[in-house]
Amino acid sequence: MATANAASKTTMQRFLDGVEKVGNMVPHPVIIFLILIGIVIILSAVLGAFGAAVSYERINPDTHEIEQASTAIRSLVNVEGIRFLYSSLIPNFMSFTAVGLMIAAMIGAGVAEESGLVTALIRKLVIVSPRWALTYILAFVGILASIAADAGYLVLIPLAGVAYLAVGRHPLAGLALGFAAVAGAFTVNMLIKPLDAVLVEFTNDAAHLVDPARSIGLASNVWFSIVSVLFLTVVIAFITDRMIAPRLGDYDPATAEGGVQAQGATLSEQESRGLRFALYGLIGLLVVFLLLTIPSGAPLRNPDTGELIGNSPFMNGLIALIMLIFLVTGWAYGIGAGTLKTLAEVIAAIEKSIKNMGGTIFLFFVLSQFVAYFTYTNIGTVMALSLSGVLQAANIGALPLLIGFIVVVAIIDLLLTGAIAKWAIFAPVFVPLLMKLGVEPEAVLAAYRVGDSPMNAITPLNAYFALVVGFAQKYDKSAGVGTIVSLMLPYVVLIFVLWTGLFAVWKALGLPWGL
């Protein structure tokens, strides 16, 4: 690292100290939502006492005709409100479908991760990459690794450093590349992942505040996500090759903390056999689903229209396919590699995965209460409709508002990194507001994906940020937080600006967001 880098590190370190101090003031997400519940209760009482209400037009879900309607704030501290608070505690949680979707997805993902499939697959993809394409392959695989975030952080990032070292390039450039890909593009993927299920459910809950009949599916952002993956792959690779690697220069192994180990750079015979078994399992599963979907009158087609994409059992139950892909390929890999030989071991892997979700399930319990109370009081509906009226009167376009929303999400992500927690706050306000302005909920969710990702690679509040610093210190014992931030700043700035630009062009052209 050059002297210029040391100066940059000093400046960045001062900035990070301030961010860290502010971040330490942010309480646990559960506490945040408990505070928000208290605010909702107080607001419902105050606004209800003043008779806050709004009149608007809506589509009748039964007749599908436009009708006049009015919504008033409902208090949570009057007789009916107190009854609701007391009696709805368990029903609120039981009807919070995000819990079931997450658990179902993690049943399969737990088997795939515990068997070693995810780790072996990522390593295999990196190993077979030709030298000239290594940067692009690592960026691409890193983005796709968000399907199993822990595997991406724990495997792809250090492996990227090893891969770069193996071809004679600076390993810190590889680490930066891996971190940018895994964290900076976290919310998009070419595959449907468990996070999508939660984000879509929150989006639908928010959309129902305006139109109970309006819902989006798991693949509602799939086209935008696929293009974003390819676009960001090129952007991240370009930044690495043209900015990060030249700045670091040649690598001096003498700066390493100890001997640089490249162990695990090849697959064992057991791992290779496991991947073959996983491929056989995937092919078998796909054959079954082809039989269930392709023929006319297949059980997973819409029984009335015969359609497969759209409103069909296949699309409505897509989370089941995701679970089965992970489950079948994970178990098949385990059999081939000898890591999961018996059904009892598979069950143990699932149990381990579910146990690790204890904190998330508790967070969902509190979230479910907040969503239910927020919906009951009609605060979101009245707020969104009132703000949309003001914005419409001011003749502000939807696209500038969407871009402003992206900026706000990015700023908040510095202090509150959880994608689920933030969307639980933003969705009930911004989805109805923008729907009233004629913006489809798919576009609002796509805007959230853009705003939520880039800052993940620069905030110390990312749970894996310190881990990346540790990876860097294996190659440069003087590396610290400032080193990582100075490496990641170009990624964060350019990914945010260029990805927002892609979103704006996509919206302006009216391209479909997904299925």
Protein backbone atom coordinates (compact mmCIF):
# COMPACT_ATOMS: atom_id res chain seq x y z
CA MET A 1 0.00 0.00 0.00
CA ALA A 2 1.38 3.38 -1.04
CA THR A 3 1.74 6.54 0.99
CA ALA A 4 -1.29 8.00 -0.75
CA ASN A 5 -3.22 5.06 0.54
CA ALA A 6 -2.06 5.75 4.10
CA ALA A 7 -3.36 9.30 3.86
CA SER A 8 -6.64 8.04 2.46
CA LYS A 9 -6.83 5.52 5.26
CA THR A 10 -6.43 8.23 7.87
CA THR A 11 -9.26 10.32 6.37
CA MET A 12 -11.52 7.32 6.01
CA GLN A 13 -10.76 6.17 9.52
CA ARG A 14 -11.99 9.47 10.94
CA PHE A 15 -15.15 9.19 8.90
CA LEU A 16 -15.70 5.60 10.04
CA ASP A 17 -15.19 6.55 13.69
CA GLY A 18 -18.11 8.96 13.38
CA VAL A 19 -20.26 6.38 11.60
CA GLU A 20 -19.41 3.76 14.19
CA LYS A 21 -20.34 6.07 17.08
CA VAL A 22 -23.68 6.85 15.48
CA GLY A 23 -24.17 3.19 14.64
CA ASN A 24 -23.58 2.15 18.24
CA MET A 25 -26.49 4.36 19.22
CA VAL A 26 -28.84 2.33 17.03
CA PRO A 27 -30.53 -0.32 19.21
CA HIS A 28 -31.36 -3.91 18.31
CA PRO A 29 -33.98 -4.22 15.51
CA VAL A 30 -36.43 -5.77 17.97
CA ILE A 31 -36.11 -2.71 20.21
CA ILE A 32 -36.57 -0.46 17.17
CA PHE A 33 -39.87 -2.13 16.31
CA LEU A 34 -41.04 -2.07 19.91
CA ILE A 35 -40.42 1.69 19.85
CA LEU A 36 -42.28 1.94 16.55
CA ILE A 37 -45.20 0.02 18.01
CA GLY A 38 -45.32 2.56 20.84
CA ILE A 39 -45.24 5.41 18.32
CA VAL A 40 -48.07 3.82 16.31
CA ILE A 41 -50.20 3.47 19.45
CA ILE A 42 -49.61 7.10 20.42
CA LEU A 43 -50.20 8.39 16.89
CA SER A 44 -53.40 6.40 16.55
CA ALA A 45 -54.72 7.93 19.75
CA VAL A 46 -53.77 11.50 18.79
CA LEU A 47 -54.88 11.33 15.15
CA GLY A 48 -58.01 9.41 16.08
CA ALA A 49 -58.94 12.09 18.60
CA PHE A 50 -58.66 14.74 15.87
CA GLY A 51 -60.77 12.64 13.49
CA ALA A 52 -58.08 12.33 10.80
CA ALA A 53 -59.58 10.77 7.65
CA VAL A 54 -59.21 10.84 3.89
CA SER A 55 -61.48 10.20 0.91
CA TYR A 56 -60.22 8.56 -2.25
CA GLU A 57 -61.02 6.39 -5.23
CA ARG A 58 -60.30 2.71 -5.24
CA ILE A 59 -61.01 -0.41 -7.27
CA ASN A 60 -63.64 -2.63 -5.70
CA PRO A 61 -62.02 -6.08 -5.39
CA ASP A 62 -65.34 -7.81 -6.06
CA THR A 63 -66.76 -5.74 -8.92
CA HIS A 64 -63.40 -4.34 -10.12
CA GLU A 65 -65.09 -0.98 -10.58
CA ILE A 66 -63.79 2.34 -9.31
CA GLU A 67 -65.66 3.51 -6.23
CA GLN A 68 -65.42 6.32 -3.72
CA ALA A 69 -64.19 5.35 -0.29
CA SER A 70 -63.02 6.98 2.91
CA THR A 71 -60.63 5.84 5.60
CA ALA A 72 -60.32 7.19 9.13
CA ILE A 73 -57.64 6.62 11.75
CA ARG A 74 -58.57 3.89 14.22
CA SER A 75 -57.27 4.33 17.74
CA LEU A 76 -55.53 1.51 19.59
CA VAL A 77 -56.31 2.96 23.02
CA ASN A 78 -60.10 2.99 22.89
CA VAL A 79 -62.25 -0.02 23.79
CA GLU A 80 -62.07 -1.66 20.37
CA GLY A 81 -58.35 -0.97 20.03
CA ILE A 82 -57.49 -2.47 23.40
CA ARG A 83 -59.53 -5.55 22.54
CA PHE A 84 -57.59 -5.86 19.29
CA LEU A 85 -54.22 -5.49 21.04
CA TYR A 86 -55.10 -8.21 23.52
CA SER A 87 -56.80 -10.76 21.31
CA SER A 88 -54.75 -10.51 18.11
CA LEU A 89 -51.29 -11.28 19.49
CA ILE A 90 -51.13 -14.90 18.30
CA PRO A 91 -53.32 -14.46 15.17
CA ASN A 92 -51.03 -11.65 14.02
CA PHE A 93 -48.02 -13.96 14.18
CA MET A 94 -49.82 -16.98 12.71
CA SER A 95 -51.00 -14.95 9.70
CA PHE A 96 -47.55 -13.52 9.07
CA THR A 97 -46.83 -15.68 6.03
CA ALA A 98 -43.20 -14.55 5.76
CA VAL A 99 -42.39 -16.87 8.68
CA GLY A 100 -43.65 -19.96 6.88
CA LEU A 101 -41.97 -19.00 3.63
CA MET A 102 -38.62 -18.41 5.30
CA ILE A 103 -38.72 -21.67 7.25
CA ALA A 104 -39.71 -23.64 4.14
CA ALA A 105 -36.86 -22.16 2.14
CA MET A 106 -34.33 -22.74 4.92
CA ILE A 107 -35.29 -26.42 5.14
CA GLY A 108 -33.68 -26.94 1.75
CA ALA A 109 -30.95 -24.33 2.13
CA GLY A 110 -29.88 -25.86 5.46
CA VAL A 111 -29.30 -29.24 3.84
CA ALA A 112 -27.38 -27.71 0.92
CA GLU A 113 -25.15 -25.70 3.23
CA GLU A 114 -24.56 -28.43 5.82
CA SER A 115 -23.74 -31.04 3.19
CA GLY A 116 -21.09 -28.76 1.70
CA LEU A 117 -22.81 -28.36 -1.67
CA VAL A 118 -22.82 -24.56 -1.70
CA THR A 119 -19.14 -24.37 -0.75
CA ALA A 120 -18.06 -26.97 -3.30
CA LEU A 121 -20.15 -25.43 -6.07
CA ILE A 122 -18.70 -21.97 -5.58
CA ARG A 123 -15.15 -23.37 -5.46
CA LYS A 124 -15.75 -25.44 -8.60
CA LEU A 125 -17.00 -22.45 -10.56
CA VAL A 126 -13.94 -20.42 -9.56
CA ILE A 127 -11.46 -23.24 -10.27
CA VAL A 128 -12.65 -23.77 -13.85
CA SER A 129 -12.42 -20.05 -14.70
CA PRO A 130 -9.76 -19.14 -17.33
CA ARG A 131 -7.25 -16.53 -16.16
CA TRP A 132 -8.50 -13.74 -18.45
CA ALA A 133 -12.08 -14.21 -17.29
CA LEU A 134 -11.33 -14.76 -13.60
CA THR A 135 -12.41 -11.29 -12.48
CA TYR A 136 -15.74 -11.55 -14.30
CA ILE A 137 -16.41 -15.08 -13.07
CA LEU A 138 -15.66 -14.11 -9.46
CA ALA A 139 -17.91 -11.07 -9.68
CA PHE A 140 -20.71 -13.11 -11.25
CA VAL A 141 -20.45 -15.99 -8.77
CA GLY A 142 -20.15 -13.53 -5.87
CA ILE A 143 -23.45 -11.89 -6.79
CA LEU A 144 -25.15 -15.27 -7.20
CA ALA A 145 -23.71 -16.34 -3.82
CA SER A 146 -26.38 -14.22 -2.11
CA ILE A 147 -28.63 -17.25 -2.55
CA ALA A 148 -26.75 -18.48 0.56
CA ALA A 149 -25.23 -15.34 2.06
CA ASP A 150 -23.06 -17.01 4.70
CA ALA A 151 -21.41 -19.21 2.09
CA GLY A 152 -20.68 -16.16 -0.03
CA TYR A 153 -19.04 -14.21 2.79
CA LEU A 154 -17.23 -17.15 4.33
CA VAL A 155 -16.15 -18.94 1.14
CA LEU A 156 -16.24 -16.72 -1.94
CA ILE A 157 -14.43 -13.70 -0.44
CA PRO A 158 -11.36 -15.56 0.93
CA LEU A 159 -11.33 -17.84 -2.12
CA ALA A 160 -11.23 -14.77 -4.38
CA GLY A 161 -8.08 -13.68 -2.58
CA VAL A 162 -6.53 -17.13 -3.04
CA ALA A 163 -7.54 -17.20 -6.71
CA TYR A 164 -5.97 -13.81 -7.37
CA LEU A 165 -2.79 -14.84 -5.59
CA ALA A 166 -2.66 -18.05 -7.61
CA VAL A 167 -2.59 -16.11 -10.89
CA GLY A 168 -0.01 -13.60 -9.64
CA ARG A 169 -2.33 -10.70 -8.79
CA HIS A 170 -2.71 -8.81 -5.52
CA PRO A 171 -4.92 -10.87 -3.15
CA LEU A 172 -6.43 -7.73 -1.59
CA ALA A 173 -7.88 -6.89 -5.00
CA GLY A 174 -9.50 -10.33 -5.00
CA LEU A 175 -10.89 -9.78 -1.51
CA ALA A 176 -12.29 -6.39 -2.51
CA LEU A 177 -13.84 -7.89 -5.63
CA GLY A 178 -15.48 -10.67 -3.65
CA PHE A 179 -16.79 -8.33 -0.95
CA ALA A 180 -18.23 -5.92 -3.53
CA ALA A 181 -20.00 -8.73 -5.36
CA VAL A 182 -21.38 -10.54 -2.31
CA ALA A 183 -22.44 -7.46 -0.33
CA GLY A 184 -22.84 -4.65 -2.87
CA ALA A 185 -25.37 -6.52 -5.03
CA PHE A 186 -26.94 -8.56 -2.25
CA THR A 187 -30.62 -8.03 -3.10
CA VAL A 188 -30.54 -9.23 -6.72
CA ASN A 189 -29.92 -12.66 -8.16
CA MET A 190 -30.72 -14.75 -11.19
CA LEU A 191 -32.40 -17.21 -8.86
CA ILE A 192 -35.34 -16.76 -6.50
CA LYS A 193 -33.97 -16.78 -2.95
CA PRO A 194 -35.55 -16.85 0.53
CA LEU A 195 -35.13 -13.08 0.97
CA ASP A 196 -37.33 -12.50 -2.08
CA ALA A 197 -40.20 -14.31 -0.42
CA VAL A 198 -40.09 -11.99 2.59
CA LEU A 199 -39.71 -8.80 0.56
CA VAL A 200 -42.58 -9.77 -1.74
CA GLU A 201 -44.86 -10.56 1.19
CA PHE A 202 -44.15 -7.18 2.78
CA THR A 203 -44.78 -5.52 -0.58
CA ASN A 204 -48.13 -7.27 -0.94
CA ASP A 205 -49.15 -6.35 2.60
CA ALA A 206 -48.39 -2.72 1.79
CA ALA A 207 -50.09 -2.83 -1.62
CA HIS A 208 -53.26 -4.19 -0.03
CA LEU A 209 -53.58 -0.95 1.92
CA VAL A 210 -54.51 0.68 -1.38
CA ASP A 211 -55.85 -2.21 -3.44
CA PRO A 212 -56.67 -5.49 -1.64
CA ALA A 213 -56.75 -7.26 -4.99
CA ARG A 214 -53.25 -6.17 -6.08
CA SER A 215 -50.48 -8.67 -5.44
CA ILE A 216 -47.11 -9.47 -6.94
CA GLY A 217 -45.33 -12.81 -7.16
CA LEU A 218 -41.91 -14.13 -6.26
CA ALA A 219 -40.68 -13.49 -9.81
CA SER A 220 -42.00 -9.92 -9.95
CA ASN A 221 -38.47 -8.46 -10.25
CA VAL A 222 -36.81 -11.33 -12.09
CA TRP A 223 -36.06 -9.52 -15.39
CA PHE A 224 -34.65 -6.47 -13.64
CA SER A 225 -32.64 -8.70 -11.30
CA ILE A 226 -31.15 -10.76 -14.13
CA VAL A 227 -30.09 -7.68 -16.08
CA SER A 228 -28.78 -6.10 -12.86
CA VAL A 229 -26.63 -9.17 -12.16
CA LEU A 230 -25.05 -9.01 -15.62
CA PHE A 231 -24.68 -5.22 -15.46
CA LEU A 232 -23.11 -5.23 -12.00
CA THR A 233 -20.80 -8.09 -12.97
CA VAL A 234 -19.28 -5.88 -15.66
CA VAL A 235 -19.20 -2.80 -13.38
CA ILE A 236 -17.50 -4.63 -10.48
CA ALA A 237 -14.99 -6.34 -12.79
CA PHE A 238 -14.20 -3.02 -14.50
CA ILE A 239 -13.59 -1.26 -11.17
CA THR A 240 -11.33 -4.10 -10.02
CA ASP A 241 -9.22 -4.26 -13.16
CA ARG A 242 -9.01 -0.53 -13.89
CA MET A 243 -8.97 1.07 -10.43
CA ILE A 244 -8.35 -1.31 -7.53
CA ALA A 245 -5.65 -3.61 -8.95
CA PRO A 246 -3.51 -0.79 -10.44
CA ARG A 247 -3.71 1.13 -7.16
CA LEU A 248 -2.48 -1.86 -5.16
CA GLY A 249 0.27 -2.73 -7.61
CA ASP A 250 2.39 -5.86 -7.21
CA TYR A 251 1.99 -7.98 -4.10
CA ASP A 252 4.85 -8.44 -1.65
CA PRO A 253 4.36 -11.67 0.35
CA ALA A 254 6.63 -10.23 3.07
CA THR A 255 3.73 -8.04 4.21
CA ALA A 256 1.64 -11.10 5.03
CA GLU A 257 0.85 -12.02 8.62
CA GLY A 258 2.15 -15.52 8.05
CA GLY A 259 2.47 -18.07 5.31
CA VAL A 260 -0.19 -17.54 2.69
CA GLN A 261 -2.15 -20.73 2.45
CA ALA A 262 -3.93 -21.74 -0.70
CA GLN A 263 -5.37 -24.91 0.70
CA GLY A 264 -8.77 -25.82 -0.59
CA ALA A 265 -8.03 -24.44 -4.07
CA THR A 266 -8.88 -27.82 -5.61
CA LEU A 267 -11.76 -30.20 -5.06
CA SER A 268 -11.22 -33.62 -3.53
CA GLU A 269 -12.50 -36.75 -5.25
CA GLN A 270 -15.33 -36.96 -2.71
CA GLU A 271 -16.38 -33.37 -3.46
CA SER A 272 -16.27 -33.96 -7.22
CA ARG A 273 -18.37 -37.10 -6.83
CA GLY A 274 -20.79 -35.14 -4.64
CA LEU A 275 -21.22 -32.50 -7.34
CA ARG A 276 -21.97 -35.21 -9.91
CA PHE A 277 -24.59 -36.69 -7.61
CA ALA A 278 -26.06 -33.23 -7.05
CA LEU A 279 -26.32 -32.76 -10.83
CA TYR A 280 -28.09 -36.11 -11.17
CA GLY A 281 -30.49 -35.10 -8.40
CA LEU A 282 -31.20 -31.74 -10.05
CA ILE A 283 -31.87 -33.38 -13.42
CA GLY A 284 -34.23 -35.88 -11.80
CA LEU A 285 -36.13 -33.13 -9.98
CA LEU A 286 -36.41 -31.02 -13.14
CA VAL A 287 -37.78 -34.00 -15.06
CA VAL A 288 -40.49 -34.43 -12.41
CA PHE A 289 -41.44 -30.75 -12.56
CA LEU A 290 -41.44 -30.77 -16.35
CA LEU A 291 -44.02 -33.56 -16.20
CA LEU A 292 -46.03 -31.53 -13.68
CA THR A 293 -45.96 -28.32 -15.71
CA ILE A 294 -45.41 -28.79 -19.46
CA PRO A 295 -48.23 -31.12 -20.62
CA SER A 296 -51.64 -29.60 -21.31
CA GLY A 297 -53.77 -30.00 -18.20
CA ALA A 298 -50.71 -30.56 -16.00
CA PRO A 299 -51.56 -30.25 -12.29
CA LEU A 300 -49.38 -27.17 -11.75
CA ARG A 301 -51.05 -25.17 -14.54
CA ASN A 302 -53.99 -22.85 -13.93
CA PRO A 303 -57.02 -25.20 -13.99
CA ASP A 304 -59.20 -22.57 -15.72
CA THR A 305 -56.87 -20.81 -18.17
CA GLY A 306 -54.13 -23.42 -18.51
CA GLU A 307 -51.43 -20.78 -18.07
CA LEU A 308 -48.16 -21.67 -16.37
CA ILE A 309 -46.58 -18.24 -15.85
CA GLY A 310 -48.71 -15.81 -13.86
CA ASN A 311 -51.62 -16.94 -11.74
CA SER A 312 -50.93 -20.66 -11.59
CA PRO A 313 -50.25 -23.26 -8.89
CA PHE A 314 -46.67 -23.45 -10.16
CA MET A 315 -45.96 -19.75 -9.65
CA ASN A 316 -48.02 -19.49 -6.45
CA GLY A 317 -46.07 -22.36 -4.91
CA LEU A 318 -42.66 -21.48 -6.34
CA ILE A 319 -41.15 -21.50 -2.86
CA ALA A 320 -41.77 -25.27 -2.80
CA LEU A 321 -39.61 -25.73 -5.92
CA ILE A 322 -36.85 -23.64 -4.39
CA MET A 323 -36.95 -25.70 -1.20
CA LEU A 324 -36.87 -28.98 -3.15
CA ILE A 325 -33.95 -27.89 -5.36
CA PHE A 326 -31.82 -27.17 -2.31
CA LEU A 327 -33.06 -30.25 -0.46
CA VAL A 328 -32.62 -32.76 -3.29
CA THR A 329 -29.29 -31.47 -4.59
CA GLY A 330 -27.95 -31.00 -1.06
CA TRP A 331 -28.86 -34.52 -0.05
CA ALA A 332 -27.56 -35.96 -3.33
CA TYR A 333 -24.27 -34.13 -2.81
CA GLY A 334 -24.12 -35.40 0.76
CA ILE A 335 -24.55 -38.99 -0.42
CA GLY A 336 -21.88 -38.62 -3.10
CA ALA A 337 -19.40 -36.78 -0.88
CA GLY A 338 -20.15 -38.84 2.19
CA THR A 339 -21.15 -35.81 4.29
CA LEU A 340 -24.86 -36.66 4.69
CA LYS A 341 -25.35 -40.39 4.33
CA THR A 342 -28.56 -41.06 6.21
CA LEU A 343 -31.99 -39.51 6.54
CA ALA A 344 -31.27 -38.86 10.19
CA GLU A 345 -28.28 -36.70 9.22
CA VAL A 346 -30.44 -34.76 6.76
CA ILE A 347 -33.01 -34.12 9.48
CA ALA A 348 -30.24 -33.00 11.82
CA ALA A 349 -29.04 -30.52 9.17
CA ILE A 350 -32.56 -29.14 8.85
CA GLU A 351 -32.91 -28.84 12.62
CA LYS A 352 -29.60 -26.98 12.81
CA SER A 353 -30.76 -24.56 10.13
CA ILE A 354 -34.05 -23.88 11.91
CA LYS A 355 -32.32 -23.44 15.28
CA ASN A 356 -30.10 -20.76 13.75
CA MET A 357 -33.25 -18.87 12.80
CA GLY A 358 -34.31 -18.35 16.41
CA GLY A 359 -33.43 -14.67 16.43
CA THR A 360 -35.09 -14.09 13.07
CA ILE A 361 -38.30 -15.81 14.18
CA PHE A 362 -38.44 -13.65 17.30
CA LEU A 363 -37.87 -10.56 15.14
CA PHE A 364 -40.72 -11.73 12.90
CA PHE A 365 -42.97 -12.09 15.93
CA VAL A 366 -42.43 -8.43 16.82
CA LEU A 367 -42.64 -7.41 13.15
CA SER A 368 -45.97 -9.17 12.77
CA GLN A 369 -47.40 -7.12 15.63
CA PHE A 370 -46.09 -3.87 14.15
CA VAL A 371 -47.53 -4.69 10.70
CA ALA A 372 -50.89 -5.69 12.18
CA TYR A 373 -51.15 -2.60 14.39
CA PHE A 374 -50.03 -0.30 11.58
CA THR A 375 -52.63 -1.83 9.27
CA TYR A 376 -55.41 -1.73 11.88
CA THR A 377 -54.92 1.96 12.62
CA ASN A 378 -55.07 2.95 8.90
CA ILE A 379 -52.15 5.33 9.50
CA GLY A 380 -50.31 4.04 6.46
CA THR A 381 -53.33 4.46 4.21
CA VAL A 382 -54.15 7.98 5.42
CA MET A 383 -50.46 9.02 5.30
CA ALA A 384 -49.85 7.61 1.81
CA LEU A 385 -53.03 9.07 0.35
CA SER A 386 -52.43 12.47 1.94
CA LEU A 387 -48.82 12.62 0.75
CA SER A 388 -49.78 11.43 -2.73
CA GLY A 389 -52.33 14.24 -2.92
CA VAL A 390 -49.68 16.79 -1.98
CA LEU A 391 -47.21 15.38 -4.50
CA GLN A 392 -49.80 15.25 -7.25
CA ALA A 393 -50.78 18.85 -6.59
CA ALA A 394 -47.09 19.83 -6.73
CA ASN A 395 -46.80 18.01 -10.07
CA ILE A 396 -43.75 15.99 -9.00
CA GLY A 397 -43.02 13.06 -11.26
CA ALA A 398 -42.89 9.48 -10.05
CA LEU A 399 -39.35 8.84 -11.33
CA PRO A 400 -37.71 11.67 -9.30
CA LEU A 401 -39.58 10.42 -6.25
CA LEU A 402 -38.34 6.87 -6.85
CA ILE A 403 -34.75 8.10 -7.18
CA GLY A 404 -35.13 10.10 -3.96
CA PHE A 405 -36.44 6.94 -2.30
CA ILE A 406 -33.33 5.04 -3.44
CA VAL A 407 -31.09 7.71 -1.89
CA VAL A 408 -32.98 7.61 1.42
CA VAL A 409 -32.74 3.81 1.62
CA ALA A 410 -29.00 3.94 0.91
CA ILE A 411 -28.39 6.49 3.67
CA ILE A 412 -30.43 4.50 6.20
CA ASP A 413 -28.53 1.33 5.22
CA LEU A 414 -25.38 2.77 6.78
CA LEU A 415 -27.01 2.45 10.21
CA LEU A 416 -29.67 -0.22 9.74
CA THR A 417 -28.30 -2.97 7.50
CA GLY A 418 -31.08 -5.56 7.70
CA ALA A 419 -32.94 -5.66 4.38
CA ILE A 420 -36.04 -7.15 6.00
CA ALA A 421 -36.19 -4.72 8.91
CA LYS A 422 -35.90 -1.65 6.66
CA TRP A 423 -38.47 -2.86 4.16
CA ALA A 424 -40.89 -3.56 6.99
CA ILE A 425 -40.67 0.16 7.79
CA PHE A 426 -40.60 1.58 4.27
CA ALA A 427 -43.07 -0.69 2.48
CA PRO A 428 -46.27 0.37 4.33
CA VAL A 429 -45.52 4.03 3.52
CA PHE A 430 -43.86 4.15 0.10
CA VAL A 431 -45.64 1.31 -1.72
CA PRO A 432 -49.13 2.80 -1.19
CA LEU A 433 -47.84 6.33 -1.79
CA LEU A 434 -46.25 5.49 -5.14
CA MET A 435 -49.13 3.22 -6.19
CA LYS A 436 -51.40 6.24 -5.78
CA LEU A 437 -49.08 8.05 -8.19
CA GLY A 438 -49.45 5.26 -10.72
CA VAL A 439 -46.23 3.39 -9.90
CA GLU A 440 -46.51 -0.38 -9.84
CA PRO A 441 -45.38 -2.08 -6.59
CA GLU A 442 -42.84 -4.08 -8.59
CA ALA A 443 -41.03 -0.82 -9.42
CA VAL A 444 -41.01 0.27 -5.77
CA LEU A 445 -39.52 -3.07 -4.73
CA ALA A 446 -36.91 -2.81 -7.50
CA ALA A 447 -36.00 0.69 -6.28
CA TYR A 448 -35.59 -0.71 -2.76
CA ARG A 449 -33.22 -3.41 -4.05
CA VAL A 450 -31.04 -0.74 -5.68
CA GLY A 451 -30.90 1.44 -2.57
CA ASP A 452 -30.42 -1.36 -0.06
CA SER A 453 -27.34 -3.08 -1.50
CA PRO A 454 -24.28 -0.87 -2.25
CA MET A 455 -23.75 0.50 1.28
CA ASN A 456 -23.46 -3.06 2.65
CA ALA A 457 -19.85 -3.07 1.43
CA ILE A 458 -18.79 -0.01 3.40
CA THR A 459 -20.68 0.11 6.69
CA PRO A 460 -18.87 -1.37 9.73
CA LEU A 461 -22.32 -2.36 11.00
CA ASN A 462 -22.34 -5.16 8.43
CA ALA A 463 -21.80 -8.26 10.57
CA TYR A 464 -19.19 -9.53 8.10
CA PHE A 465 -17.22 -6.30 7.73
CA ALA A 466 -14.82 -7.20 10.56
CA LEU A 467 -14.44 -10.66 9.02
CA VAL A 468 -13.23 -9.12 5.76
CA VAL A 469 -10.72 -7.00 7.69
CA GLY A 470 -9.43 -10.25 9.19
CA PHE A 471 -9.12 -11.82 5.73
CA ALA A 472 -7.14 -8.79 4.56
CA GLN A 473 -4.73 -8.98 7.49
CA LYS A 474 -3.63 -12.44 6.35
CA TYR A 475 -2.13 -10.79 3.28
CA ASP A 476 -1.20 -7.40 4.78
CA LYS A 477 -0.65 -7.31 8.55
CA SER A 478 -1.06 -3.52 8.56
CA ALA A 479 -4.53 -3.68 7.00
CA GLY A 480 -7.39 -2.25 9.04
CA VAL A 481 -10.87 -0.83 8.72
CA GLY A 482 -9.59 2.16 6.80
CA THR A 483 -7.87 -0.13 4.32
CA ILE A 484 -11.09 -1.96 3.52
CA VAL A 485 -13.10 1.26 3.27
CA SER A 486 -10.56 2.85 0.94
CA LEU A 487 -10.74 -0.25 -1.25
CA MET A 488 -14.54 -0.38 -1.23
CA LEU A 489 -15.32 3.31 -1.77
CA PRO A 490 -14.96 3.16 -5.59
CA TYR A 491 -17.28 0.16 -5.72
CA VAL A 492 -19.90 1.77 -3.49
CA VAL A 493 -19.98 5.09 -5.33
CA LEU A 494 -19.96 3.70 -8.87
CA ILE A 495 -22.34 0.82 -8.18
CA PHE A 496 -24.81 3.21 -6.57
CA VAL A 497 -24.64 5.83 -9.34
CA LEU A 498 -24.62 3.45 -12.30
CA TRP A 499 -27.22 1.05 -10.88
CA THR A 500 -29.54 3.96 -10.08
CA GLY A 501 -29.02 5.10 -13.67
CA LEU A 502 -29.97 1.64 -14.93
CA PHE A 503 -33.11 1.74 -12.81
CA ALA A 504 -34.05 5.19 -14.14
CA VAL A 505 -33.59 4.08 -17.77
CA TRP A 506 -35.56 0.89 -17.13
CA LYS A 507 -38.42 2.84 -15.61
CA ALA A 508 -38.37 5.51 -18.31
CA LEU A 509 -38.56 2.87 -21.05
CA GLY A 510 -41.41 1.08 -19.30
CA LEU A 511 -39.67 -2.30 -19.41
CA PRO A 512 -41.28 -5.20 -17.50
CA TRP A 513 -39.80 -5.77 -14.06
CA GLY A 514 -40.52 -9.48 -13.92
CA LEU A 515 -43.17 -12.16 -14.29
